Amino acid sequence: MSATIERPEAAHPAVPHLAQWAPRRARRMAHVLRPASAAEPRAFDPAALGDLPEPARRWLTHAITPGAPLARRAALKMHGEMRLGRHWHGFTAEQLLMPESGFVWAARTHVGHLPVSGFDAYAAGVGLMRWRMLGLPVQADTGADVTLSALDRLAAEATLVPTSLVAATWRPGPDADTAVYAHHVAGRHARSHVTIRVAPDGQLRRLTMRRWAAPEGRHYRLHTFVVEFAREFDAGTMLVPDGIAATWADAGGEFFRASLDRVTLE
């Protein structure tokens, strides 16, 4: 079962996919991100959240319609700005996200008048970044550090598929309106812990985590990664956090802003 909600300006297939403009390697990695079983997904029962910390219950009962299928993956279309060096550049992107196993995020932008395209991904246990300018390679990174950074990103982006966190391991957060979940990926022990902050009305407002990364282009280490959400995208059976602003709190500040244009759930 799948459902697609989008802005009214265009129509798209209701099956999660990446656009044909995405690099071939990105589309091959996205193909791996498929649920293992074709069985009808379980339905959301708010009563199953009884043991969760109150802020987590508040968010998930607000975000997920009772009886809705517990979606395991989503295809997202978005636009926004990302900071490269000292300058902001507009981008468009498509993403296939399956929190239990990986993601592929493919984007297009311009640096000056020069087209830049590529993707970041984690699939089949491997993290990868590949970017091209004028069709020529400018970045092609993989290895243990890239994989760990991608896993931490996947932990944070699990919030974009709220149904994926119904069965997560939760504990109370450090103060009121917060809760902490441990993110699990198939074949790996939980490594990443994410703290969320929930508004009184149930909207997810912020997440914070220590993420393995090299935001200044030097050595990888743990940095404080913060994502703010200004609003929600109504995906029919689910309210997806939207109005996204990502910041390296200890290494350069805000670097990413995005708004969702389409959400397809499966």
Protein backbone atom coordinates (compact mmCIF):
# COMPACT_ATOMS: atom_id res chain seq x y z
CA MET A 1 0.00 0.00 0.00
CA SER A 2 1.36 3.44 -0.86
CA ALA A 3 0.15 7.00 -0.84
CA THR A 4 1.47 10.15 -2.50
CA ILE A 5 0.85 13.72 -1.41
CA GLU A 6 2.44 16.55 -3.36
CA ARG A 7 2.24 20.23 -4.13
CA PRO A 8 -0.39 20.75 -6.85
CA GLU A 9 1.89 21.83 -9.68
CA ALA A 10 2.82 18.34 -10.97
CA ALA A 11 1.81 14.71 -10.93
CA HIS A 12 4.15 11.77 -10.28
CA PRO A 13 3.89 7.98 -9.99
CA ALA A 14 2.79 6.67 -6.59
CA VAL A 15 5.71 4.22 -6.37
CA PRO A 16 8.85 5.30 -4.44
CA HIS A 17 11.67 5.98 -6.88
CA LEU A 18 14.45 8.38 -7.79
CA ALA A 19 14.15 10.67 -10.80
CA GLN A 20 15.79 9.60 -14.04
CA TRP A 21 18.18 12.56 -13.79
CA ALA A 22 19.72 11.02 -10.65
CA PRO A 23 23.12 9.36 -11.26
CA ARG A 24 22.93 5.73 -12.34
CA ARG A 25 24.90 4.58 -9.28
CA ALA A 26 22.43 6.42 -7.03
CA ARG A 27 19.48 4.68 -8.69
CA ARG A 28 21.19 1.31 -8.31
CA MET A 29 21.76 1.93 -4.59
CA ALA A 30 18.17 3.09 -4.18
CA HIS A 31 16.99 -0.17 -5.72
CA VAL A 32 18.49 -1.99 -2.73
CA LEU A 33 16.27 -0.06 -0.31
CA ARG A 34 13.18 -2.23 -0.57
CA PRO A 35 11.15 -3.79 2.27
CA ALA A 36 12.09 -7.44 2.71
CA SER A 37 8.46 -8.57 2.75
CA ALA A 38 5.56 -7.66 0.47
CA ALA A 39 3.07 -8.43 3.23
CA GLU A 40 0.47 -5.82 4.11
CA PRO A 41 2.05 -3.46 6.69
CA ARG A 42 0.77 -3.39 10.24
CA ALA A 43 -1.60 -0.58 11.19
CA PHE A 44 -0.75 2.15 13.68
CA ASP A 45 -2.31 1.65 17.12
CA PRO A 46 -1.72 4.57 19.54
CA ALA A 47 -2.15 2.14 22.43
CA ALA A 48 1.15 0.54 21.43
CA LEU A 49 2.96 3.72 22.53
CA GLY A 50 2.02 3.32 26.19
CA ASP A 51 5.59 2.68 27.39
CA LEU A 52 7.19 5.56 25.48
CA PRO A 53 8.24 8.83 27.15
CA GLU A 54 5.38 11.32 27.04
CA PRO A 55 6.98 13.70 24.47
CA ALA A 56 7.55 10.78 22.08
CA ARG A 57 3.92 9.67 22.50
CA ARG A 58 2.74 13.25 21.98
CA TRP A 59 4.63 13.57 18.71
CA LEU A 60 3.80 10.16 17.24
CA THR A 61 0.08 10.29 18.11
CA HIS A 62 -0.05 13.77 16.59
CA ALA A 63 1.89 12.78 13.46
CA ILE A 64 0.35 9.39 12.57
CA THR A 65 -3.32 8.74 11.83
CA PRO A 66 -4.77 5.85 13.90
CA GLY A 67 -5.09 2.77 11.71
CA ALA A 68 -2.62 4.09 9.12
CA PRO A 69 -0.18 1.55 7.65
CA LEU A 70 3.20 1.64 9.35
CA ALA A 71 5.15 2.95 6.37
CA ARG A 72 8.74 1.74 6.20
CA ARG A 73 10.12 3.95 3.45
CA ALA A 74 9.45 7.27 1.76
CA ALA A 75 10.35 9.02 -1.47
CA LEU A 76 10.85 12.74 -0.90
CA LYS A 77 11.17 15.63 -3.32
CA MET A 78 12.51 18.90 -1.89
CA HIS A 79 14.09 22.22 -2.71
CA GLY A 80 16.14 24.68 -0.71
CA GLU A 81 19.58 26.14 -0.18
CA MET A 82 22.89 24.67 0.95
CA ARG A 83 26.01 26.51 1.99
CA LEU A 84 29.18 25.65 0.08
CA GLY A 85 32.06 27.59 1.57
CA ARG A 86 30.79 31.09 2.36
CA HIS A 87 27.96 31.16 -0.20
CA TRP A 88 24.45 29.73 -0.34
CA HIS A 89 23.30 27.88 -3.45
CA GLY A 90 19.77 26.85 -4.39
CA PHE A 91 19.17 23.15 -5.02
CA THR A 92 16.52 20.61 -5.94
CA ALA A 93 16.75 17.05 -4.65
CA GLU A 94 15.04 13.70 -4.50
CA GLN A 95 15.56 11.15 -1.77
CA LEU A 96 14.62 7.55 -1.12
CA LEU A 97 14.66 6.94 2.62
CA MET A 98 14.22 3.63 4.44
CA PRO A 99 15.33 4.23 8.05
CA GLU A 100 15.86 0.55 8.82
CA SER A 101 18.41 0.11 6.03
CA GLY A 102 19.54 3.29 4.27
CA PHE A 103 18.97 6.35 2.10
CA VAL A 104 19.97 7.88 -1.23
CA TRP A 105 19.83 11.69 -1.57
CA ALA A 106 20.46 13.00 -5.10
CA ALA A 107 20.64 16.74 -5.77
CA ARG A 108 21.37 19.35 -8.43
CA THR A 109 22.71 22.87 -7.87
CA HIS A 110 24.96 25.49 -9.49
CA VAL A 111 28.21 27.04 -8.34
CA GLY A 112 28.31 30.26 -10.25
CA HIS A 113 27.08 29.21 -13.69
CA LEU A 114 28.55 25.72 -13.39
CA PRO A 115 26.14 22.81 -12.85
CA VAL A 116 26.89 20.47 -9.94
CA SER A 117 25.08 17.20 -9.34
CA GLY A 118 25.60 14.06 -7.32
CA PHE A 119 24.43 12.09 -4.33
CA ASP A 120 25.04 11.03 -0.75
CA ALA A 121 23.99 7.51 0.25
CA TYR A 122 24.09 4.63 2.69
CA ALA A 123 22.99 1.24 1.38
CA ALA A 124 24.06 -2.38 1.81
CA GLY A 125 26.29 -1.36 4.71
CA VAL A 126 28.31 1.25 2.79
CA GLY A 127 28.30 5.05 2.87
CA LEU A 128 29.17 6.93 -0.32
CA MET A 129 29.37 10.52 -1.62
CA ARG A 130 29.81 11.24 -5.35
CA TRP A 131 29.59 14.72 -6.91
CA ARG A 132 30.37 16.11 -10.37
CA MET A 133 30.79 19.60 -11.83
CA LEU A 134 30.26 19.94 -15.59
CA GLY A 135 30.18 16.16 -15.63
CA LEU A 136 33.69 15.88 -14.14
CA PRO A 137 34.26 14.24 -10.72
CA VAL A 138 34.87 16.71 -7.87
CA GLN A 139 34.22 14.38 -4.92
CA ALA A 140 34.08 10.60 -4.58
CA ASP A 141 34.40 9.51 -0.96
CA THR A 142 33.71 6.25 0.82
CA GLY A 143 35.33 4.30 3.65
CA ALA A 144 34.73 3.88 7.37
CA ASP A 145 34.39 7.58 8.22
CA VAL A 146 31.93 8.30 5.40
CA THR A 147 29.91 5.22 6.37
CA LEU A 148 29.70 6.24 10.05
CA SER A 149 28.69 9.78 9.10
CA ALA A 150 26.00 8.46 6.76
CA LEU A 151 24.68 6.16 9.50
CA ASP A 152 24.36 9.12 11.85
CA ARG A 153 22.56 11.09 9.14
CA LEU A 154 20.20 8.16 8.66
CA ALA A 155 19.46 8.16 12.39
CA ALA A 156 18.42 11.82 12.27
CA GLU A 157 16.40 11.46 9.07
CA ALA A 158 14.36 8.63 10.54
CA THR A 159 12.19 11.47 11.88
CA LEU A 160 11.02 12.07 8.28
CA VAL A 161 9.26 8.69 8.45
CA PRO A 162 7.63 8.90 11.91
CA THR A 163 6.14 5.41 11.62
CA SER A 164 9.69 4.02 11.54
CA LEU A 165 10.19 5.17 15.15
CA VAL A 166 7.11 3.56 16.69
CA ALA A 167 9.16 0.50 17.64
CA ALA A 168 12.42 2.34 18.38
CA THR A 169 14.17 2.11 21.75
CA TRP A 170 13.14 5.26 23.66
CA ARG A 171 14.09 6.84 26.99
CA PRO A 172 13.22 10.14 28.68
CA GLY A 173 15.16 13.19 27.53
CA PRO A 174 17.25 15.59 29.61
CA ASP A 175 14.36 17.97 30.29
CA ALA A 176 10.65 18.52 29.72
CA ASP A 177 9.34 18.08 26.17
CA THR A 178 12.33 15.94 25.14
CA ALA A 179 12.87 12.24 24.50
CA VAL A 180 15.78 10.18 23.18
CA TYR A 181 15.68 7.30 20.71
CA ALA A 182 18.36 4.81 19.68
CA HIS A 183 18.44 4.21 15.96
CA HIS A 184 18.75 0.62 14.73
CA VAL A 185 19.90 -0.37 11.24
CA ALA A 186 19.61 -3.91 9.90
CA GLY A 187 22.83 -5.82 10.54
CA ARG A 188 24.25 -3.26 13.01
CA HIS A 189 23.91 -2.55 16.71
CA ALA A 190 22.33 0.77 17.62
CA ARG A 191 25.04 3.43 17.66
CA SER A 192 23.33 6.77 17.25
CA HIS A 193 21.14 8.41 19.90
CA VAL A 194 18.94 11.34 18.90
CA THR A 195 17.24 13.80 21.25
CA ILE A 196 13.97 15.29 20.01
CA ARG A 197 12.06 18.30 21.32
CA VAL A 198 8.28 18.32 20.88
CA ALA A 199 5.93 21.32 21.00
CA PRO A 200 2.88 21.26 23.30
CA ASP A 201 0.65 20.62 20.25
CA GLY A 202 2.70 17.56 19.27
CA GLN A 203 4.76 19.01 16.41
CA LEU A 204 8.39 17.96 16.24
CA ARG A 205 10.47 21.12 16.58
CA ARG A 206 14.09 20.06 16.96
CA LEU A 207 16.52 17.15 17.04
CA THR A 208 20.04 17.11 18.43
CA MET A 209 22.73 14.45 18.23
CA ARG A 210 26.47 13.91 18.24
CA ARG A 211 27.30 13.06 14.64
CA TRP A 212 30.51 11.71 13.16
CA ALA A 213 31.49 14.15 10.41
CA ALA A 214 34.07 16.49 8.91
CA PRO A 215 32.02 19.64 8.22
CA GLU A 216 35.11 21.81 7.81
CA GLY A 217 36.68 19.37 5.36
CA ARG A 218 39.41 18.17 7.68
CA HIS A 219 39.52 15.28 10.16
CA TYR A 220 36.38 13.37 11.10
CA ARG A 221 35.22 13.61 14.70
CA LEU A 222 32.00 13.94 16.68
CA HIS A 223 30.17 17.23 16.20
CA THR A 224 26.93 18.60 17.61
CA PHE A 225 24.35 18.33 14.84
CA VAL A 226 21.05 20.23 15.21
CA VAL A 227 18.00 20.21 12.94
CA GLU A 228 15.08 22.62 13.42
CA PHE A 229 11.61 22.05 11.92
CA ALA A 230 9.39 25.09 11.30
CA ARG A 231 6.25 23.31 10.07
CA GLU A 232 4.79 20.00 8.84
CA PHE A 233 3.98 18.45 5.46
CA ASP A 234 0.62 16.69 5.36
CA ALA A 235 1.25 13.31 3.69
CA GLY A 236 -2.32 12.14 4.20
CA THR A 237 -1.82 9.44 6.83
CA MET A 238 1.18 11.15 8.39
CA LEU A 239 2.46 14.64 9.22
CA VAL A 240 6.10 14.81 8.16
CA PRO A 241 8.45 17.39 9.76
CA ASP A 242 9.16 20.17 7.26
CA GLY A 243 10.77 23.61 7.07
CA ILE A 244 14.14 21.99 7.70
CA ALA A 245 17.22 23.91 8.88
CA ALA A 246 20.39 21.96 9.73
CA THR A 247 23.31 23.36 11.74
CA TRP A 248 26.74 22.29 12.91
CA ALA A 249 26.51 23.91 16.35
CA ASP A 250 30.27 23.71 16.96
CA ALA A 251 31.63 23.91 13.42
CA GLY A 252 30.43 26.62 11.09
CA GLY A 253 26.75 27.11 11.87
CA GLU A 254 23.74 26.63 9.60
CA PHE A 255 24.49 24.91 6.30
CA PHE A 256 21.23 23.48 4.93
CA ARG A 257 17.63 24.69 4.47
CA ALA A 258 14.90 22.72 2.73
CA SER A 259 11.18 22.50 2.11
CA LEU A 260 9.36 19.33 1.06
CA ASP A 261 7.46 19.32 -2.25
CA ARG A 262 6.33 15.69 -2.42
CA VAL A 263 6.13 12.74 -0.03
CA THR A 264 5.39 9.20 -1.16
CA LEU A 265 4.95 6.58 1.58
CA GLU A 266 5.17 2.81 1.39
